[in-house]
Amino acid sequence: MSDLAKCKMRLGLHCRECNRWVEILPQEWLDAGKPDVNYIEQKFKCSGCGRAASKQVRPPSDGLENANAYQGM
């Protein structure tokens, strides 16, 4: 996690079963006293259904809000 924190990267986790996205901010993870895990080898599971989550390394946030960027057709 510390290498992601140094670059201000984020780690997105997706549960395909629930279609649920969660984002980990590595610096907040470390500040909370959680272990400096190897995020590549670490397996994460959905807190909703318990199934494995896929990982996506994301660039630093640019501060722009994108919650309404897409609309259904």
N, C-alpha and C. Protein backbone atom coordinates (compact mmCIF):
# COMPACT_ATOMS: atom_id res chain seq x y z
N MET A 1 0.82 -1.20 0.00
CA MET A 1 0.00 0.00 0.00
C MET A 1 0.86 1.26 0.00
N SER A 2 2.02 1.19 0.64
CA SER A 2 2.83 2.40 0.77
C SER A 2 3.30 2.92 -0.58
N ASP A 3 3.56 2.03 -1.55
CA ASP A 3 3.97 2.52 -2.86
C ASP A 3 2.83 3.26 -3.56
N LEU A 4 1.60 2.80 -3.38
CA LEU A 4 0.45 3.52 -3.93
C LEU A 4 0.28 4.87 -3.23
N ALA A 5 0.46 4.87 -1.91
CA ALA A 5 0.32 6.10 -1.14
C ALA A 5 1.34 7.15 -1.57
N LYS A 6 2.56 6.73 -1.83
CA LYS A 6 3.62 7.67 -2.25
C LYS A 6 3.25 8.38 -3.54
N CYS A 7 2.57 7.67 -4.42
CA CYS A 7 2.18 8.23 -5.72
C CYS A 7 0.77 8.81 -5.71
N LYS A 8 0.14 8.79 -4.53
CA LYS A 8 -1.23 9.29 -4.36
C LYS A 8 -2.24 8.55 -5.23
N MET A 9 -1.95 7.27 -5.49
CA MET A 9 -2.85 6.44 -6.27
C MET A 9 -3.97 5.92 -5.36
N ARG A 10 -5.00 5.37 -5.97
CA ARG A 10 -6.13 4.81 -5.24
C ARG A 10 -6.33 3.37 -5.70
N LEU A 11 -7.00 2.58 -4.89
CA LEU A 11 -7.26 1.20 -5.24
C LEU A 11 -8.77 0.99 -5.26
N GLY A 12 -9.31 0.73 -6.44
CA GLY A 12 -10.73 0.46 -6.59
C GLY A 12 -10.97 -1.04 -6.47
N LEU A 13 -12.01 -1.42 -5.75
CA LEU A 13 -12.39 -2.82 -5.60
C LEU A 13 -13.81 -2.99 -6.12
N HIS A 14 -14.01 -4.01 -6.93
CA HIS A 14 -15.32 -4.24 -7.53
C HIS A 14 -15.79 -5.66 -7.25
N CYS A 15 -17.02 -5.77 -6.77
CA CYS A 15 -17.66 -7.07 -6.59
C CYS A 15 -18.58 -7.28 -7.79
N ARG A 16 -18.25 -8.26 -8.58
CA ARG A 16 -19.03 -8.52 -9.77
C ARG A 16 -20.43 -9.03 -9.43
N GLU A 17 -20.50 -9.80 -8.37
CA GLU A 17 -21.79 -10.37 -7.96
C GLU A 17 -22.79 -9.29 -7.53
N CYS A 18 -22.31 -8.33 -6.72
CA CYS A 18 -23.17 -7.25 -6.20
C CYS A 18 -23.14 -6.01 -7.08
N ASN A 19 -22.21 -5.97 -8.03
CA ASN A 19 -21.94 -4.78 -8.83
C ASN A 19 -21.68 -3.58 -7.92
N ARG A 20 -20.85 -3.82 -6.93
CA ARG A 20 -20.54 -2.81 -5.91
C ARG A 20 -19.10 -2.37 -6.05
N TRP A 21 -18.87 -1.07 -6.05
CA TRP A 21 -17.53 -0.49 -6.09
C TRP A 21 -17.20 0.15 -4.75
N VAL A 22 -15.97 -0.06 -4.32
CA VAL A 22 -15.44 0.58 -3.11
C VAL A 22 -14.05 1.07 -3.47
N GLU A 23 -13.66 2.17 -2.89
CA GLU A 23 -12.33 2.70 -3.17
C GLU A 23 -11.52 2.80 -1.89
N ILE A 24 -10.30 2.29 -1.95
CA ILE A 24 -9.37 2.40 -0.83
C ILE A 24 -8.40 3.53 -1.14
N LEU A 25 -8.25 4.43 -0.19
CA LEU A 25 -7.23 5.47 -0.29
C LEU A 25 -6.05 4.97 0.54
N PRO A 26 -4.97 4.56 -0.11
CA PRO A 26 -3.86 3.91 0.60
C PRO A 26 -3.31 4.70 1.79
N GLN A 27 -3.21 6.01 1.69
CA GLN A 27 -2.67 6.77 2.82
C GLN A 27 -3.61 6.70 4.02
N GLU A 28 -4.91 6.77 3.78
CA GLU A 28 -5.88 6.64 4.86
C GLU A 28 -5.82 5.22 5.46
N TRP A 29 -5.63 4.22 4.61
CA TRP A 29 -5.48 2.83 5.05
C TRP A 29 -4.32 2.73 6.02
N LEU A 30 -3.17 3.28 5.64
CA LEU A 30 -1.97 3.21 6.47
C LEU A 30 -2.13 4.05 7.74
N ASP A 31 -2.73 5.24 7.61
CA ASP A 31 -2.94 6.11 8.77
C ASP A 31 -3.85 5.46 9.81
N ALA A 32 -4.73 4.59 9.36
CA ALA A 32 -5.65 3.89 10.27
C ALA A 32 -4.97 2.71 10.97
N GLY A 33 -3.67 2.52 10.69
CA GLY A 33 -2.93 1.46 11.34
C GLY A 33 -3.06 0.10 10.69
N LYS A 34 -3.64 0.07 9.51
CA LYS A 34 -3.77 -1.20 8.79
C LYS A 34 -2.42 -1.58 8.18
N PRO A 35 -2.18 -2.86 7.93
CA PRO A 35 -0.86 -3.30 7.47
C PRO A 35 -0.52 -2.82 6.06
N ASP A 36 0.77 -2.65 5.85
CA ASP A 36 1.29 -2.25 4.54
C ASP A 36 1.37 -3.50 3.67
N VAL A 37 0.22 -3.94 3.16
CA VAL A 37 0.13 -5.18 2.40
C VAL A 37 0.57 -4.97 0.95
N ASN A 38 0.96 -6.06 0.33
CA ASN A 38 1.24 -6.05 -1.11
C ASN A 38 -0.13 -6.17 -1.79
N TYR A 39 -0.62 -5.08 -2.33
CA TYR A 39 -1.98 -5.05 -2.88
C TYR A 39 -2.13 -5.96 -4.10
N ILE A 40 -1.01 -6.31 -4.75
CA ILE A 40 -1.09 -7.21 -5.90
C ILE A 40 -1.41 -8.63 -5.44
N GLU A 41 -0.74 -9.07 -4.39
CA GLU A 41 -0.96 -10.43 -3.88
C GLU A 41 -2.14 -10.52 -2.92
N GLN A 42 -2.48 -9.40 -2.28
CA GLN A 42 -3.57 -9.39 -1.30
C GLN A 42 -4.91 -9.69 -1.97
N LYS A 43 -5.70 -10.53 -1.35
CA LYS A 43 -7.04 -10.83 -1.85
C LYS A 43 -8.03 -10.05 -0.99
N PHE A 44 -8.95 -9.38 -1.65
CA PHE A 44 -9.98 -8.62 -0.97
C PHE A 44 -11.32 -9.29 -1.25
N LYS A 45 -12.23 -9.22 -0.28
CA LYS A 45 -13.56 -9.77 -0.51
C LYS A 45 -14.61 -8.72 -0.21
N CYS A 46 -15.75 -8.89 -0.84
CA CYS A 46 -16.88 -7.98 -0.68
C CYS A 46 -17.43 -8.09 0.74
N SER A 47 -17.65 -6.96 1.37
CA SER A 47 -18.23 -6.98 2.72
C SER A 47 -19.74 -7.24 2.66
N GLY A 48 -20.31 -7.15 1.47
CA GLY A 48 -21.73 -7.42 1.31
C GLY A 48 -22.03 -8.90 1.16
N CYS A 49 -21.39 -9.55 0.18
CA CYS A 49 -21.70 -10.95 -0.10
C CYS A 49 -20.55 -11.91 0.21
N GLY A 50 -19.36 -11.38 0.45
CA GLY A 50 -18.22 -12.23 0.81
C GLY A 50 -17.45 -12.80 -0.37
N ARG A 51 -17.86 -12.48 -1.58
CA ARG A 51 -17.15 -12.99 -2.76
C ARG A 51 -15.90 -12.17 -3.04
N ALA A 52 -15.02 -12.72 -3.85
CA ALA A 52 -13.76 -12.04 -4.19
C ALA A 52 -14.03 -10.77 -4.98
N ALA A 53 -13.25 -9.74 -4.69
CA ALA A 53 -13.36 -8.47 -5.40
C ALA A 53 -12.20 -8.34 -6.37
N SER A 54 -12.48 -7.77 -7.53
CA SER A 54 -11.40 -7.48 -8.47
C SER A 54 -10.81 -6.12 -8.12
N LYS A 55 -9.54 -5.92 -8.51
CA LYS A 55 -8.82 -4.70 -8.13
C LYS A 55 -8.54 -3.84 -9.36
N GLN A 56 -8.51 -2.54 -9.14
CA GLN A 56 -8.19 -1.59 -10.19
C GLN A 56 -7.38 -0.46 -9.57
N VAL A 57 -6.14 -0.31 -10.01
CA VAL A 57 -5.31 0.80 -9.53
C VAL A 57 -5.74 2.03 -10.31
N ARG A 58 -6.00 3.10 -9.58
CA ARG A 58 -6.51 4.32 -10.20
C ARG A 58 -5.57 5.48 -9.94
N PRO A 59 -5.52 6.43 -10.87
CA PRO A 59 -4.65 7.59 -10.68
C PRO A 59 -5.19 8.51 -9.59
N PRO A 60 -4.37 9.47 -9.18
CA PRO A 60 -4.84 10.43 -8.16
C PRO A 60 -6.11 11.13 -8.63
N SER A 61 -6.96 11.44 -7.69
CA SER A 61 -8.18 12.17 -8.00
C SER A 61 -7.84 13.57 -8.45
N ASP A 62 -8.52 14.03 -9.49
CA ASP A 62 -8.27 15.38 -9.99
C ASP A 62 -9.19 16.41 -9.34
N GLY A 63 -10.03 15.94 -8.41
CA GLY A 63 -10.92 16.85 -7.70
C GLY A 63 -12.21 17.14 -8.44
N LEU A 64 -12.35 16.63 -9.65
CA LEU A 64 -13.57 16.86 -10.41
C LEU A 64 -14.62 15.84 -10.01
N GLU A 65 -15.84 16.28 -9.89
CA GLU A 65 -16.94 15.40 -9.55
C GLU A 65 -17.42 14.71 -10.83
N ASN A 66 -17.53 13.41 -10.81
CA ASN A 66 -18.00 12.69 -11.99
C ASN A 66 -19.19 11.80 -11.70
N ALA A 67 -19.85 11.99 -10.57
CA ALA A 67 -20.97 11.14 -10.19
C ALA A 67 -22.11 11.18 -11.20
N ASN A 68 -22.28 12.31 -11.87
CA ASN A 68 -23.38 12.45 -12.83
C ASN A 68 -22.85 12.50 -14.27
N ALA A 69 -21.69 11.92 -14.50
CA ALA A 69 -21.08 11.99 -15.82
C ALA A 69 -21.83 11.13 -16.85
N TYR A 70 -22.50 10.08 -16.41
CA TYR A 70 -23.18 9.19 -17.32
C TYR A 70 -24.65 9.09 -16.94
N GLN A 71 -25.46 9.00 -17.96
CA GLN A 71 -26.90 8.83 -17.74
C GLN A 71 -27.38 7.63 -18.51
N GLY A 72 -28.41 6.99 -18.02
CA GLY A 72 -28.99 5.85 -18.73
C GLY A 72 -29.65 6.31 -20.01
N MET A 73 -29.76 5.39 -20.96
CA MET A 73 -30.38 5.73 -22.24
C MET A 73 -31.73 5.07 -22.37
